[in-house]
ModelCIF file with pLDDT and N, C-alpha, C, O atoms, coordinates in Angstrom:
data_MODEL
#
_entry.id   MODEL 
#
_entity.id                         1 
_entity.type                       polymer 
_entity.pdbx_number_of_molecules   1 
#
_entity_poly.entity_id                      1 
_entity_poly.type                           'polypeptide(L)' 
_entity_poly.nstd_linkage                   no 
_entity_poly.nstd_monomer                   no 
_entity_poly.pdbx_seq_one_letter_code       RNNAQNTVDLQMNSLKPEDTAVYYCNVRNVVRSMNLWGKGIQVTVS 
_entity_poly.pdbx_seq_one_letter_code_can   RNNAQNTVDLQMNSLKPEDTAVYYCNVRNVVRSMNLWGKGIQVTVS 
_entity_poly.pdbx_strand_id                 A 
#
loop_
_entity_poly_seq.entity_id 
_entity_poly_seq.num 
_entity_poly_seq.mon_id 
_entity_poly_seq.hetero 
1 1  ARG n 
1 2  ASN n 
1 3  ASN n 
1 4  ALA n 
1 5  GLN n 
1 6  ASN n 
1 7  THR n 
1 8  VAL n 
1 9  ASP n 
1 10 LEU n 
1 11 GLN n 
1 12 MET n 
1 13 ASN n 
1 14 SER n 
1 15 LEU n 
1 16 LYS n 
1 17 PRO n 
1 18 GLU n 
1 19 ASP n 
1 20 THR n 
1 21 ALA n 
1 22 VAL n 
1 23 TYR n 
1 24 TYR n 
1 25 CYS n 
1 26 ASN n 
1 27 VAL n 
1 28 ARG n 
1 29 ASN n 
1 30 VAL n 
1 31 VAL n 
1 32 ARG n 
1 33 SER n 
1 34 MET n 
1 35 ASN n 
1 36 LEU n 
1 37 TRP n 
1 38 GLY n 
1 39 LYS n 
1 40 GLY n 
1 41 ILE n 
1 42 GLN n 
1 43 VAL n 
1 44 THR n 
1 45 VAL n 
1 46 SER n 
#
_struct_asym.id          A 
_struct_asym.entity_id   1 
#
loop_
_ma_qa_metric.id 
_ma_qa_metric.mode 
_ma_qa_metric.name 
_ma_qa_metric.software_group_id 
_ma_qa_metric.type 
1 global pLDDT . pLDDT 
2 local  pLDDT . pLDDT 
#
_ma_qa_metric_global.metric_id      1 
_ma_qa_metric_global.metric_value   94.46 
_ma_qa_metric_global.model_id       1 
_ma_qa_metric_global.ordinal_id     1 
#
loop_
_ma_qa_metric_local.label_asym_id 
_ma_qa_metric_local.label_comp_id 
_ma_qa_metric_local.label_seq_id 
_ma_qa_metric_local.metric_id 
_ma_qa_metric_local.metric_value 
_ma_qa_metric_local.model_id 
_ma_qa_metric_local.ordinal_id 
A ARG 1  2 94.00 1 1  
A ASN 2  2 90.00 1 2  
A ASN 3  2 83.00 1 3  
A ALA 4  2 85.00 1 4  
A GLN 5  2 87.00 1 5  
A ASN 6  2 89.00 1 6  
A THR 7  2 94.00 1 7  
A VAL 8  2 96.00 1 8  
A ASP 9  2 97.00 1 9  
A LEU 10 2 98.00 1 10 
A GLN 11 2 98.00 1 11 
A MET 12 2 98.00 1 12 
A ASN 13 2 98.00 1 13 
A SER 14 2 98.00 1 14 
A LEU 15 2 98.00 1 15 
A LYS 16 2 98.00 1 16 
A PRO 17 2 98.00 1 17 
A GLU 18 2 97.00 1 18 
A ASP 19 2 98.00 1 19 
A THR 20 2 98.00 1 20 
A ALA 21 2 98.00 1 21 
A VAL 22 2 98.00 1 22 
A TYR 23 2 98.00 1 23 
A TYR 24 2 98.00 1 24 
A CYS 25 2 98.00 1 25 
A ASN 26 2 96.00 1 26 
A VAL 27 2 94.00 1 27 
A ARG 28 2 93.00 1 28 
A ASN 29 2 89.00 1 29 
A VAL 30 2 84.00 1 30 
A VAL 31 2 85.00 1 31 
A ARG 32 2 84.00 1 32 
A SER 33 2 87.00 1 33 
A MET 34 2 89.00 1 34 
A ASN 35 2 93.00 1 35 
A LEU 36 2 94.00 1 36 
A TRP 37 2 96.00 1 37 
A GLY 38 2 97.00 1 38 
A LYS 39 2 97.00 1 39 
A GLY 40 2 98.00 1 40 
A ILE 41 2 98.00 1 41 
A GLN 42 2 98.00 1 42 
A VAL 43 2 98.00 1 43 
A THR 44 2 98.00 1 44 
A VAL 45 2 98.00 1 45 
A SER 46 2 97.00 1 46 
#
loop_
_atom_site.group_PDB 
_atom_site.id 
_atom_site.type_symbol 
_atom_site.label_atom_id 
_atom_site.label_alt_id 
_atom_site.label_comp_id 
_atom_site.label_asym_id 
_atom_site.label_entity_id 
_atom_site.label_seq_id 
_atom_site.pdbx_PDB_ins_code 
_atom_site.Cartn_x 
_atom_site.Cartn_y 
_atom_site.Cartn_z 
_atom_site.occupancy 
_atom_site.B_iso_or_equiv 
_atom_site.pdbx_formal_charge 
_atom_site.auth_seq_id 
_atom_site.auth_comp_id 
_atom_site.auth_asym_id 
_atom_site.auth_atom_id 
_atom_site.pdbx_PDB_model_num 
ATOM 1   N N  . ARG A 1 1  ? -7.397  -7.247  -23.343 1.00 94.00 ? 1  ARG A N  1 
ATOM 2   C CA . ARG A 1 1  ? -6.384  -7.143  -22.315 1.00 94.00 ? 1  ARG A CA 1 
ATOM 3   C C  . ARG A 1 1  ? -6.201  -5.347  -23.211 1.00 94.00 ? 1  ARG A C  1 
ATOM 4   O O  . ARG A 1 1  ? -6.346  -5.217  -24.426 1.00 94.00 ? 1  ARG A O  1 
ATOM 5   N N  . ASN A 1 2  ? -5.911  -4.322  -22.372 1.00 90.00 ? 2  ASN A N  1 
ATOM 6   C CA . ASN A 1 2  ? -5.731  -2.561  -23.195 1.00 90.00 ? 2  ASN A CA 1 
ATOM 7   C C  . ASN A 1 2  ? -4.375  -2.307  -22.292 1.00 90.00 ? 2  ASN A C  1 
ATOM 8   O O  . ASN A 1 2  ? -4.400  -1.838  -21.155 1.00 90.00 ? 2  ASN A O  1 
ATOM 9   N N  . ASN A 1 3  ? -3.220  -2.690  -22.984 1.00 83.00 ? 3  ASN A N  1 
ATOM 10  C CA . ASN A 1 3  ? -2.053  -2.070  -22.890 1.00 83.00 ? 3  ASN A CA 1 
ATOM 11  C C  . ASN A 1 3  ? -1.739  -0.502  -22.516 1.00 83.00 ? 3  ASN A C  1 
ATOM 12  O O  . ASN A 1 3  ? -1.331  0.026   -21.482 1.00 83.00 ? 3  ASN A O  1 
ATOM 13  N N  . ALA A 1 4  ? -2.008  -0.123  -23.462 1.00 85.00 ? 4  ALA A N  1 
ATOM 14  C CA . ALA A 1 4  ? -2.123  1.399   -23.077 1.00 85.00 ? 4  ALA A CA 1 
ATOM 15  C C  . ALA A 1 4  ? -2.390  1.925   -21.729 1.00 85.00 ? 4  ALA A C  1 
ATOM 16  O O  . ALA A 1 4  ? -1.781  2.664   -20.955 1.00 85.00 ? 4  ALA A O  1 
ATOM 17  N N  . GLN A 1 5  ? -3.602  1.241   -21.712 1.00 87.00 ? 5  GLN A N  1 
ATOM 18  C CA . GLN A 1 5  ? -4.484  1.199   -20.466 1.00 87.00 ? 5  GLN A CA 1 
ATOM 19  C C  . GLN A 1 5  ? -3.902  0.811   -19.178 1.00 87.00 ? 5  GLN A C  1 
ATOM 20  O O  . GLN A 1 5  ? -4.311  1.257   -18.107 1.00 87.00 ? 5  GLN A O  1 
ATOM 21  N N  . ASN A 1 6  ? -3.057  0.074   -19.286 1.00 89.00 ? 6  ASN A N  1 
ATOM 22  C CA . ASN A 1 6  ? -3.022  -1.268  -18.159 1.00 89.00 ? 6  ASN A CA 1 
ATOM 23  C C  . ASN A 1 6  ? -4.208  -2.285  -17.823 1.00 89.00 ? 6  ASN A C  1 
ATOM 24  O O  . ASN A 1 6  ? -4.041  -3.024  -16.853 1.00 89.00 ? 6  ASN A O  1 
ATOM 25  N N  . THR A 1 7  ? -5.232  -2.364  -18.455 1.00 94.00 ? 7  THR A N  1 
ATOM 26  C CA . THR A 1 7  ? -5.960  -3.210  -18.220 1.00 94.00 ? 7  THR A CA 1 
ATOM 27  C C  . THR A 1 7  ? -6.293  -4.170  -18.458 1.00 94.00 ? 7  THR A C  1 
ATOM 28  O O  . THR A 1 7  ? -6.153  -4.164  -19.681 1.00 94.00 ? 7  THR A O  1 
ATOM 29  N N  . VAL A 1 8  ? -7.025  -5.979  -17.971 1.00 96.00 ? 8  VAL A N  1 
ATOM 30  C CA . VAL A 1 8  ? -7.346  -6.547  -18.415 1.00 96.00 ? 8  VAL A CA 1 
ATOM 31  C C  . VAL A 1 8  ? -8.657  -7.260  -17.860 1.00 96.00 ? 8  VAL A C  1 
ATOM 32  O O  . VAL A 1 8  ? -8.850  -7.547  -16.678 1.00 96.00 ? 8  VAL A O  1 
ATOM 33  N N  . ASP A 1 9  ? -9.369  -7.451  -18.735 1.00 97.00 ? 9  ASP A N  1 
ATOM 34  C CA . ASP A 1 9  ? -10.795 -8.306  -18.308 1.00 97.00 ? 9  ASP A CA 1 
ATOM 35  C C  . ASP A 1 9  ? -11.002 -9.269  -18.528 1.00 97.00 ? 9  ASP A C  1 
ATOM 36  O O  . ASP A 1 9  ? -10.234 -10.049 -19.092 1.00 97.00 ? 9  ASP A O  1 
ATOM 37  N N  . LEU A 1 10 ? -12.422 -9.564  -18.037 1.00 98.00 ? 10 LEU A N  1 
ATOM 38  C CA . LEU A 1 10 ? -12.474 -10.608 -18.011 1.00 98.00 ? 10 LEU A CA 1 
ATOM 39  C C  . LEU A 1 10 ? -14.166 -11.259 -18.498 1.00 98.00 ? 10 LEU A C  1 
ATOM 40  O O  . LEU A 1 10 ? -14.575 -12.067 -17.664 1.00 98.00 ? 10 LEU A O  1 
ATOM 41  N N  . GLN A 1 11 ? -14.883 -11.083 -19.366 1.00 98.00 ? 11 GLN A N  1 
ATOM 42  C CA . GLN A 1 11 ? -15.583 -11.142 -19.400 1.00 98.00 ? 11 GLN A CA 1 
ATOM 43  C C  . GLN A 1 11 ? -15.828 -13.075 -19.873 1.00 98.00 ? 11 GLN A C  1 
ATOM 44  O O  . GLN A 1 11 ? -15.383 -13.894 -20.677 1.00 98.00 ? 11 GLN A O  1 
ATOM 45  N N  . MET A 1 12 ? -17.367 -12.941 -18.127 1.00 98.00 ? 12 MET A N  1 
ATOM 46  C CA . MET A 1 12 ? -17.773 -14.115 -18.050 1.00 98.00 ? 12 MET A CA 1 
ATOM 47  C C  . MET A 1 12 ? -19.118 -14.968 -18.388 1.00 98.00 ? 12 MET A C  1 
ATOM 48  O O  . MET A 1 12 ? -19.874 -15.002 -17.416 1.00 98.00 ? 12 MET A O  1 
ATOM 49  N N  . ASN A 1 13 ? -19.565 -15.618 -19.452 1.00 98.00 ? 13 ASN A N  1 
ATOM 50  C CA . ASN A 1 13 ? -21.036 -15.855 -19.914 1.00 98.00 ? 13 ASN A CA 1 
ATOM 51  C C  . ASN A 1 13 ? -21.235 -17.248 -19.659 1.00 98.00 ? 13 ASN A C  1 
ATOM 52  O O  . ASN A 1 13 ? -20.372 -18.043 -19.285 1.00 98.00 ? 13 ASN A O  1 
ATOM 53  N N  . SER A 1 14 ? -22.311 -17.455 -19.866 1.00 98.00 ? 14 SER A N  1 
ATOM 54  C CA . SER A 1 14 ? -22.806 -18.905 -19.198 1.00 98.00 ? 14 SER A CA 1 
ATOM 55  C C  . SER A 1 14 ? -22.116 -19.474 -17.564 1.00 98.00 ? 14 SER A C  1 
ATOM 56  O O  . SER A 1 14 ? -21.638 -20.592 -17.372 1.00 98.00 ? 14 SER A O  1 
ATOM 57  N N  . LEU A 1 15 ? -22.219 -18.514 -16.673 1.00 98.00 ? 15 LEU A N  1 
ATOM 58  C CA . LEU A 1 15 ? -21.848 -18.888 -15.810 1.00 98.00 ? 15 LEU A CA 1 
ATOM 59  C C  . LEU A 1 15 ? -22.706 -20.171 -14.721 1.00 98.00 ? 15 LEU A C  1 
ATOM 60  O O  . LEU A 1 15 ? -23.922 -20.185 -14.532 1.00 98.00 ? 15 LEU A O  1 
ATOM 61  N N  . LYS A 1 16 ? -21.737 -21.135 -14.139 1.00 98.00 ? 16 LYS A N  1 
ATOM 62  C CA . LYS A 1 16 ? -22.050 -21.683 -13.177 1.00 98.00 ? 16 LYS A CA 1 
ATOM 63  C C  . LYS A 1 16 ? -21.437 -21.907 -11.841 1.00 98.00 ? 16 LYS A C  1 
ATOM 64  O O  . LYS A 1 16 ? -20.254 -21.726 -11.553 1.00 98.00 ? 16 LYS A O  1 
ATOM 65  N N  . PRO A 1 17 ? -22.266 -22.270 -11.161 1.00 98.00 ? 17 PRO A N  1 
ATOM 66  C CA . PRO A 1 17 ? -22.365 -22.491 -9.597  1.00 98.00 ? 17 PRO A CA 1 
ATOM 67  C C  . PRO A 1 17 ? -20.419 -22.548 -8.866  1.00 98.00 ? 17 PRO A C  1 
ATOM 68  O O  . PRO A 1 17 ? -19.616 -22.045 -8.080  1.00 98.00 ? 17 PRO A O  1 
ATOM 69  N N  . GLU A 1 18 ? -20.719 -23.896 -10.224 1.00 97.00 ? 18 GLU A N  1 
ATOM 70  C CA . GLU A 1 18 ? -19.264 -24.548 -9.269  1.00 97.00 ? 18 GLU A CA 1 
ATOM 71  C C  . GLU A 1 18 ? -17.866 -22.652 -10.429 1.00 97.00 ? 18 GLU A C  1 
ATOM 72  O O  . GLU A 1 18 ? -16.636 -22.619 -10.379 1.00 97.00 ? 18 GLU A O  1 
ATOM 73  N N  . ASP A 1 19 ? -18.583 -21.795 -11.032 1.00 98.00 ? 19 ASP A N  1 
ATOM 74  C CA . ASP A 1 19 ? -17.596 -21.149 -10.878 1.00 98.00 ? 19 ASP A CA 1 
ATOM 75  C C  . ASP A 1 19 ? -17.487 -19.545 -9.722  1.00 98.00 ? 19 ASP A C  1 
ATOM 76  O O  . ASP A 1 19 ? -17.024 -18.404 -9.733  1.00 98.00 ? 19 ASP A O  1 
ATOM 77  N N  . THR A 1 20 ? -18.067 -20.240 -9.071  1.00 98.00 ? 20 THR A N  1 
ATOM 78  C CA . THR A 1 20 ? -18.294 -19.157 -7.676  1.00 98.00 ? 20 THR A CA 1 
ATOM 79  C C  . THR A 1 20 ? -16.680 -19.493 -6.981  1.00 98.00 ? 20 THR A C  1 
ATOM 80  O O  . THR A 1 20 ? -16.065 -20.535 -7.208  1.00 98.00 ? 20 THR A O  1 
ATOM 81  N N  . ALA A 1 21 ? -16.281 -18.603 -6.285  1.00 98.00 ? 21 ALA A N  1 
ATOM 82  C CA . ALA A 1 21 ? -14.699 -18.181 -6.704  1.00 98.00 ? 21 ALA A CA 1 
ATOM 83  C C  . ALA A 1 21 ? -14.788 -16.773 -5.999  1.00 98.00 ? 21 ALA A C  1 
ATOM 84  O O  . ALA A 1 21 ? -15.801 -16.117 -5.757  1.00 98.00 ? 21 ALA A O  1 
ATOM 85  N N  . VAL A 1 22 ? -12.940 -16.359 -5.628  1.00 98.00 ? 22 VAL A N  1 
ATOM 86  C CA . VAL A 1 22 ? -12.501 -15.694 -5.398  1.00 98.00 ? 22 VAL A CA 1 
ATOM 87  C C  . VAL A 1 22 ? -11.365 -15.237 -6.659  1.00 98.00 ? 22 VAL A C  1 
ATOM 88  O O  . VAL A 1 22 ? -10.314 -15.810 -6.944  1.00 98.00 ? 22 VAL A O  1 
ATOM 89  N N  . TYR A 1 23 ? -11.990 -13.962 -7.317  1.00 98.00 ? 23 TYR A N  1 
ATOM 90  C CA . TYR A 1 23 ? -10.899 -13.924 -8.548  1.00 98.00 ? 23 TYR A CA 1 
ATOM 91  C C  . TYR A 1 23 ? -9.987  -12.694 -8.426  1.00 98.00 ? 23 TYR A C  1 
ATOM 92  O O  . TYR A 1 23 ? -10.170 -11.579 -7.937  1.00 98.00 ? 23 TYR A O  1 
ATOM 93  N N  . TYR A 1 24 ? -8.828  -13.337 -9.105  1.00 98.00 ? 24 TYR A N  1 
ATOM 94  C CA . TYR A 1 24 ? -7.320  -12.605 -9.269  1.00 98.00 ? 24 TYR A CA 1 
ATOM 95  C C  . TYR A 1 24 ? -7.322  -12.038 -9.411  1.00 98.00 ? 24 TYR A C  1 
ATOM 96  O O  . TYR A 1 24 ? -8.504  -11.922 -9.734  1.00 98.00 ? 24 TYR A O  1 
ATOM 97  N N  . CYS A 1 25 ? -6.775  -10.818 -9.580  1.00 98.00 ? 25 CYS A N  1 
ATOM 98  C CA . CYS A 1 25 ? -6.182  -10.118 -11.000 1.00 98.00 ? 25 CYS A CA 1 
ATOM 99  C C  . CYS A 1 25 ? -4.711  -10.513 -10.937 1.00 98.00 ? 25 CYS A C  1 
ATOM 100 O O  . CYS A 1 25 ? -4.288  -10.872 -9.838  1.00 98.00 ? 25 CYS A O  1 
ATOM 101 N N  . ASN A 1 26 ? -3.536  -10.485 -12.404 1.00 96.00 ? 26 ASN A N  1 
ATOM 102 C CA . ASN A 1 26 ? -2.343  -10.877 -11.922 1.00 96.00 ? 26 ASN A CA 1 
ATOM 103 C C  . ASN A 1 26 ? -1.750  -10.718 -12.880 1.00 96.00 ? 26 ASN A C  1 
ATOM 104 O O  . ASN A 1 26 ? -2.040  -11.483 -13.800 1.00 96.00 ? 26 ASN A O  1 
ATOM 105 N N  . VAL A 1 27 ? -0.407  -9.439  -13.195 1.00 94.00 ? 27 VAL A N  1 
ATOM 106 C CA . VAL A 1 27 ? 0.333   -9.711  -14.027 1.00 94.00 ? 27 VAL A CA 1 
ATOM 107 C C  . VAL A 1 27 ? 1.832   -9.824  -13.510 1.00 94.00 ? 27 VAL A C  1 
ATOM 108 O O  . VAL A 1 27 ? 2.096   -9.610  -12.327 1.00 94.00 ? 27 VAL A O  1 
ATOM 109 N N  . ARG A 1 28 ? 3.013   -10.243 -14.644 1.00 93.00 ? 28 ARG A N  1 
ATOM 110 C CA . ARG A 1 28 ? 3.895   -10.584 -14.632 1.00 93.00 ? 28 ARG A CA 1 
ATOM 111 C C  . ARG A 1 28 ? 4.805   -10.884 -15.219 1.00 93.00 ? 28 ARG A C  1 
ATOM 112 O O  . ARG A 1 28 ? 4.345   -11.684 -16.034 1.00 93.00 ? 28 ARG A O  1 
ATOM 113 N N  . ASN A 1 29 ? 6.506   -10.753 -15.509 1.00 89.00 ? 29 ASN A N  1 
ATOM 114 C CA . ASN A 1 29 ? 6.957   -10.396 -15.855 1.00 89.00 ? 29 ASN A CA 1 
ATOM 115 C C  . ASN A 1 29 ? 8.340   -10.687 -14.916 1.00 89.00 ? 29 ASN A C  1 
ATOM 116 O O  . ASN A 1 29 ? 9.042   -10.047 -14.134 1.00 89.00 ? 29 ASN A O  1 
ATOM 117 N N  . VAL A 1 30 ? 8.263   -12.729 -15.762 1.00 84.00 ? 30 VAL A N  1 
ATOM 118 C CA . VAL A 1 30 ? 8.809   -13.412 -15.557 1.00 84.00 ? 30 VAL A CA 1 
ATOM 119 C C  . VAL A 1 30 ? 10.728  -12.750 -15.299 1.00 84.00 ? 30 VAL A C  1 
ATOM 120 O O  . VAL A 1 30 ? 11.144  -12.291 -14.235 1.00 84.00 ? 30 VAL A O  1 
ATOM 121 N N  . VAL A 1 31 ? 11.369  -12.866 -16.290 1.00 85.00 ? 31 VAL A N  1 
ATOM 122 C CA . VAL A 1 31 ? 12.363  -12.090 -16.681 1.00 85.00 ? 31 VAL A CA 1 
ATOM 123 C C  . VAL A 1 31 ? 13.133  -11.188 -15.547 1.00 85.00 ? 31 VAL A C  1 
ATOM 124 O O  . VAL A 1 31 ? 14.316  -11.201 -15.206 1.00 85.00 ? 31 VAL A O  1 
ATOM 125 N N  . ARG A 1 32 ? 12.146  -10.484 -15.139 1.00 84.00 ? 32 ARG A N  1 
ATOM 126 C CA . ARG A 1 32 ? 12.493  -9.256  -14.335 1.00 84.00 ? 32 ARG A CA 1 
ATOM 127 C C  . ARG A 1 32 ? 11.606  -9.997  -12.635 1.00 84.00 ? 32 ARG A C  1 
ATOM 128 O O  . ARG A 1 32 ? 11.768  -9.603  -11.480 1.00 84.00 ? 32 ARG A O  1 
ATOM 129 N N  . SER A 1 33 ? 11.145  -10.585 -12.902 1.00 87.00 ? 33 SER A N  1 
ATOM 130 C CA . SER A 1 33 ? 11.153  -11.736 -11.032 1.00 87.00 ? 33 SER A CA 1 
ATOM 131 C C  . SER A 1 33 ? 9.466   -10.499 -10.581 1.00 87.00 ? 33 SER A C  1 
ATOM 132 O O  . SER A 1 33 ? 9.349   -10.143 -9.408  1.00 87.00 ? 33 SER A O  1 
ATOM 133 N N  . MET A 1 34 ? 8.711   -10.167 -11.324 1.00 89.00 ? 34 MET A N  1 
ATOM 134 C CA . MET A 1 34 ? 7.698   -9.335  -11.302 1.00 89.00 ? 34 MET A CA 1 
ATOM 135 C C  . MET A 1 34 ? 6.772   -10.371 -10.930 1.00 89.00 ? 34 MET A C  1 
ATOM 136 O O  . MET A 1 34 ? 6.768   -11.544 -11.305 1.00 89.00 ? 34 MET A O  1 
ATOM 137 N N  . ASN A 1 35 ? 5.853   -9.683  -10.009 1.00 93.00 ? 35 ASN A N  1 
ATOM 138 C CA . ASN A 1 35 ? 4.418   -11.171 -10.415 1.00 93.00 ? 35 ASN A CA 1 
ATOM 139 C C  . ASN A 1 35 ? 3.435   -10.950 -8.675  1.00 93.00 ? 35 ASN A C  1 
ATOM 140 O O  . ASN A 1 35 ? 3.516   -11.250 -7.484  1.00 93.00 ? 35 ASN A O  1 
ATOM 141 N N  . LEU A 1 36 ? 2.591   -10.243 -9.632  1.00 94.00 ? 36 LEU A N  1 
ATOM 142 C CA . LEU A 1 36 ? 1.842   -9.426  -8.824  1.00 94.00 ? 36 LEU A CA 1 
ATOM 143 C C  . LEU A 1 36 ? -0.049  -9.772  -8.853  1.00 94.00 ? 36 LEU A C  1 
ATOM 144 O O  . LEU A 1 36 ? -0.639  -10.223 -9.835  1.00 94.00 ? 36 LEU A O  1 
ATOM 145 N N  . TRP A 1 37 ? -0.770  -9.378  -7.367  1.00 96.00 ? 37 TRP A N  1 
ATOM 146 C CA . TRP A 1 37 ? -1.841  -9.734  -7.302  1.00 96.00 ? 37 TRP A CA 1 
ATOM 147 C C  . TRP A 1 37 ? -2.899  -8.980  -7.075  1.00 96.00 ? 37 TRP A C  1 
ATOM 148 O O  . TRP A 1 37 ? -2.694  -8.052  -6.292  1.00 96.00 ? 37 TRP A O  1 
ATOM 149 N N  . GLY A 1 38 ? -3.819  -9.062  -7.447  1.00 97.00 ? 38 GLY A N  1 
ATOM 150 C CA . GLY A 1 38 ? -4.895  -8.229  -7.017  1.00 97.00 ? 38 GLY A CA 1 
ATOM 151 C C  . GLY A 1 38 ? -5.122  -8.414  -5.041  1.00 97.00 ? 38 GLY A C  1 
ATOM 152 O O  . GLY A 1 38 ? -4.345  -9.081  -4.358  1.00 97.00 ? 38 GLY A O  1 
ATOM 153 N N  . LYS A 1 39 ? -6.293  -7.684  -4.496  1.00 97.00 ? 39 LYS A N  1 
ATOM 154 C CA . LYS A 1 39 ? -6.936  -8.815  -3.467  1.00 97.00 ? 39 LYS A CA 1 
ATOM 155 C C  . LYS A 1 39 ? -7.725  -9.546  -3.647  1.00 97.00 ? 39 LYS A C  1 
ATOM 156 O O  . LYS A 1 39 ? -8.033  -10.404 -2.820  1.00 97.00 ? 39 LYS A O  1 
ATOM 157 N N  . GLY A 1 40 ? -8.370  -9.383  -4.988  1.00 98.00 ? 40 GLY A N  1 
ATOM 158 C CA . GLY A 1 40 ? -9.017  -10.865 -5.267  1.00 98.00 ? 40 GLY A CA 1 
ATOM 159 C C  . GLY A 1 40 ? -10.555 -9.708  -4.808  1.00 98.00 ? 40 GLY A C  1 
ATOM 160 O O  . GLY A 1 40 ? -10.695 -8.686  -4.136  1.00 98.00 ? 40 GLY A O  1 
ATOM 161 N N  . ILE A 1 41 ? -11.526 -10.668 -5.681  1.00 98.00 ? 41 ILE A N  1 
ATOM 162 C CA . ILE A 1 41 ? -13.017 -10.134 -5.721  1.00 98.00 ? 41 ILE A CA 1 
ATOM 163 C C  . ILE A 1 41 ? -13.818 -11.532 -6.242  1.00 98.00 ? 41 ILE A C  1 
ATOM 164 O O  . ILE A 1 41 ? -13.497 -12.398 -7.055  1.00 98.00 ? 41 ILE A O  1 
ATOM 165 N N  . GLN A 1 42 ? -15.259 -11.303 -5.215  1.00 98.00 ? 42 GLN A N  1 
ATOM 166 C CA . GLN A 1 42 ? -16.101 -12.247 -5.167  1.00 98.00 ? 42 GLN A CA 1 
ATOM 167 C C  . GLN A 1 42 ? -17.108 -12.517 -6.168  1.00 98.00 ? 42 GLN A C  1 
ATOM 168 O O  . GLN A 1 42 ? -18.086 -11.771 -6.221  1.00 98.00 ? 42 GLN A O  1 
ATOM 169 N N  . VAL A 1 43 ? -17.001 -13.451 -6.938  1.00 98.00 ? 43 VAL A N  1 
ATOM 170 C CA . VAL A 1 43 ? -17.579 -13.796 -8.126  1.00 98.00 ? 43 VAL A CA 1 
ATOM 171 C C  . VAL A 1 43 ? -18.719 -15.332 -7.051  1.00 98.00 ? 43 VAL A C  1 
ATOM 172 O O  . VAL A 1 43 ? -18.270 -16.320 -6.470  1.00 98.00 ? 43 VAL A O  1 
ATOM 173 N N  . THR A 1 44 ? -20.495 -14.781 -7.233  1.00 98.00 ? 44 THR A N  1 
ATOM 174 C CA . THR A 1 44 ? -21.053 -15.905 -6.077  1.00 98.00 ? 44 THR A CA 1 
ATOM 175 C C  . THR A 1 44 ? -22.373 -15.930 -7.507  1.00 98.00 ? 44 THR A C  1 
ATOM 176 O O  . THR A 1 44 ? -23.007 -14.998 -8.000  1.00 98.00 ? 44 THR A O  1 
ATOM 177 N N  . VAL A 1 45 ? -22.382 -17.767 -7.892  1.00 98.00 ? 45 VAL A N  1 
ATOM 178 C CA . VAL A 1 45 ? -23.237 -17.925 -9.323  1.00 98.00 ? 45 VAL A CA 1 
ATOM 179 C C  . VAL A 1 45 ? -23.710 -18.940 -7.995  1.00 98.00 ? 45 VAL A C  1 
ATOM 180 O O  . VAL A 1 45 ? -23.195 -19.812 -7.295  1.00 98.00 ? 45 VAL A O  1 
ATOM 181 N N  . SER A 1 46 ? -25.436 -18.018 -8.169  1.00 97.00 ? 46 SER A N  1 
ATOM 182 C CA . SER A 1 46 ? -26.081 -19.406 -7.148  1.00 97.00 ? 46 SER A CA 1 
ATOM 183 C C  . SER A 1 46 ? -27.884 -18.359 -7.342  1.00 97.00 ? 46 SER A C  1 
ATOM 184 O O  . SER A 1 46 ? -28.909 -18.792 -6.815  1.00 97.00 ? 46 SER A O  1 
#
């Protein structure tokens, strides 16, 4: 993550077919009752 830029990355190596899914970004602050989701992005390993 880069806090200054408000970004979070996921480097995925050695991908397997079972990694196929829609991946969702999530940010949260439990104390502030904040739990936010992205729309999702498709990852297909085939």
